[in-house]
Amino acid sequence: MNHLEQLACAAQIAVHVMASPDAREIEFLPLKPRTASEAERESLAARWPGRGLRASGVIGRLPNGRVQIALKVPFDCNELTALLTAFTHYCNAHYGELQRDDSVTWLEQLHRLPDTRMN
């Protein structure tokens, strides 16, 4: 499994990023929690001509709320900022504020337990 697939599997929300080389044009194709429908894929494909969009990578929001990005093509700092800002707006518009899953809370509680192995 490559780094793009690993991020898509680990995230609560994941999108496939279609962007122009300068990241002025950005489209997201949902991967998780739901996969884009055939109609959504066709609609996006119809909007591609003349825009120079290319498959650029995956952006995901992990269960702990952190956002990670796995790219296939390079972007500079301003372009990365544009991608992450667009993803934040996408998440807020489609999913609102997500809750952390129970595994994160469980691990935090486990970490706070005293280590009795040395006693």
Protein backbone atom coordinates (compact mmCIF):
# COMPACT_ATOMS: atom_id res chain seq x y z
CA MET A 1 0.00 0.00 0.00
CA ASN A 2 1.47 3.38 -0.95
CA HIS A 3 1.42 6.55 1.18
CA LEU A 4 -1.69 7.89 -0.60
CA GLU A 5 -3.67 4.73 0.13
CA GLN A 6 -2.43 4.60 3.73
CA LEU A 7 -3.65 8.12 4.40
CA ALA A 8 -7.01 7.44 2.76
CA CYS A 9 -7.49 4.35 4.95
CA ALA A 10 -6.41 6.02 8.20
CA ALA A 11 -8.47 9.20 7.80
CA GLN A 12 -12.03 9.91 8.92
CA ILE A 13 -12.39 12.24 5.95
CA ALA A 14 -10.28 11.78 2.83
CA VAL A 15 -10.37 13.40 -0.59
CA HIS A 16 -8.50 12.88 -3.81
CA VAL A 17 -7.06 16.24 -4.85
CA MET A 18 -7.34 17.48 -8.40
CA ALA A 19 -5.41 20.74 -8.77
CA SER A 20 -3.80 22.95 -11.34
CA PRO A 21 0.02 23.16 -11.12
CA ASP A 22 -0.23 26.50 -9.27
CA ALA A 23 -3.14 25.32 -7.04
CA ARG A 24 -5.38 28.16 -8.19
CA GLU A 25 -7.92 25.59 -9.39
CA ILE A 26 -8.77 22.87 -6.87
CA GLU A 27 -11.38 20.14 -6.91
CA PHE A 28 -11.89 17.40 -4.31
CA LEU A 29 -13.21 13.95 -5.10
CA PRO A 30 -14.52 12.33 -1.89
CA LEU A 31 -12.92 9.04 -0.85
CA LYS A 32 -14.10 8.74 2.75
CA PRO A 33 -16.45 8.59 4.64
CA ARG A 34 -18.22 8.11 1.33
CA THR A 35 -16.86 7.52 -2.13
CA ALA A 36 -17.75 9.86 -4.97
CA SER A 37 -20.70 8.70 -7.00
CA GLU A 38 -20.46 8.05 -10.72
CA ALA A 39 -22.41 11.28 -11.32
CA GLU A 40 -19.92 13.27 -9.20
CA ARG A 41 -16.97 11.79 -11.10
CA GLU A 42 -18.61 12.56 -14.44
CA SER A 43 -19.44 16.12 -13.34
CA LEU A 44 -15.84 16.71 -12.29
CA ALA A 45 -14.51 15.23 -15.55
CA ALA A 46 -16.80 17.57 -17.51
CA ARG A 47 -15.30 20.57 -15.68
CA TRP A 48 -11.64 19.54 -16.37
CA PRO A 49 -11.13 20.73 -19.96
CA GLY A 50 -9.06 23.88 -20.15
CA ARG A 51 -8.41 24.04 -16.41
CA GLY A 52 -5.21 22.01 -16.35
CA LEU A 53 -6.26 19.90 -13.38
CA ARG A 54 -4.07 16.94 -12.50
CA ALA A 55 -4.27 14.18 -9.92
CA SER A 56 -2.18 15.67 -7.14
CA GLY A 57 -2.62 13.45 -4.09
CA VAL A 58 -4.77 12.84 -1.02
CA ILE A 59 -5.68 15.04 1.93
CA GLY A 60 -7.19 13.48 5.05
CA ARG A 61 -8.44 14.43 8.50
CA LEU A 62 -7.37 11.81 11.03
CA PRO A 63 -9.46 10.68 14.02
CA ASN A 64 -7.39 12.93 16.32
CA GLY A 65 -8.36 15.99 14.25
CA ARG A 66 -4.98 16.43 12.56
CA VAL A 67 -4.86 16.99 8.82
CA GLN A 68 -2.28 15.16 6.73
CA ILE A 69 -1.45 15.45 3.09
CA ALA A 70 0.19 12.93 0.76
CA LEU A 71 1.14 14.40 -2.60
CA LYS A 72 2.25 12.95 -5.92
CA VAL A 73 3.45 16.31 -7.27
CA PRO A 74 5.39 19.17 -5.65
CA PHE A 75 3.75 22.39 -4.45
CA ASP A 76 5.37 25.43 -2.84
CA CYS A 77 4.32 26.80 0.58
CA ASN A 78 1.67 29.17 -0.83
CA GLU A 79 0.14 26.41 -2.93
CA LEU A 80 0.11 24.01 0.05
CA THR A 81 -1.62 26.70 2.10
CA ALA A 82 -4.25 27.05 -0.63
CA LEU A 83 -4.82 23.27 -0.67
CA LEU A 84 -5.14 23.00 3.11
CA THR A 85 -7.40 26.06 3.33
CA ALA A 86 -9.67 24.63 0.64
CA PHE A 87 -9.77 21.29 2.47
CA THR A 88 -10.70 22.99 5.74
CA HIS A 89 -13.58 24.79 4.01
CA TYR A 90 -14.62 21.51 2.36
CA CYS A 91 -14.68 19.68 5.72
CA ASN A 92 -16.59 22.45 7.47
CA ALA A 93 -19.16 22.68 4.68
CA HIS A 94 -19.76 18.95 4.30
CA TYR A 95 -19.08 17.43 7.72
CA GLY A 96 -18.83 20.16 10.37
CA GLU A 97 -16.66 19.57 13.40
CA LEU A 98 -15.81 15.88 13.71
CA GLN A 99 -15.49 14.08 17.01
CA ARG A 100 -12.40 12.09 17.86
CA ASP A 101 -13.10 8.38 17.88
CA ASP A 102 -13.00 6.33 21.11
CA SER A 103 -9.59 4.82 20.38
CA VAL A 104 -7.86 8.17 20.84
CA THR A 105 -9.51 8.73 24.23
CA TRP A 106 -8.66 5.17 25.28
CA LEU A 107 -5.00 5.63 24.37
CA GLU A 108 -4.81 8.95 26.24
CA GLN A 109 -6.24 7.28 29.36
CA LEU A 110 -3.84 4.36 28.98
CA HIS A 111 -0.90 6.75 28.74
CA ARG A 112 -1.91 8.47 32.01
CA LEU A 113 -1.85 5.21 34.00
CA PRO A 114 1.13 4.85 36.35
CA ASP A 115 3.88 2.50 35.20
CA THR A 116 4.17 -0.13 37.94
CA ARG A 117 6.81 -2.23 36.19
CA MET A 118 9.65 -0.55 38.13
CA ASN A 119 8.06 -0.96 41.58
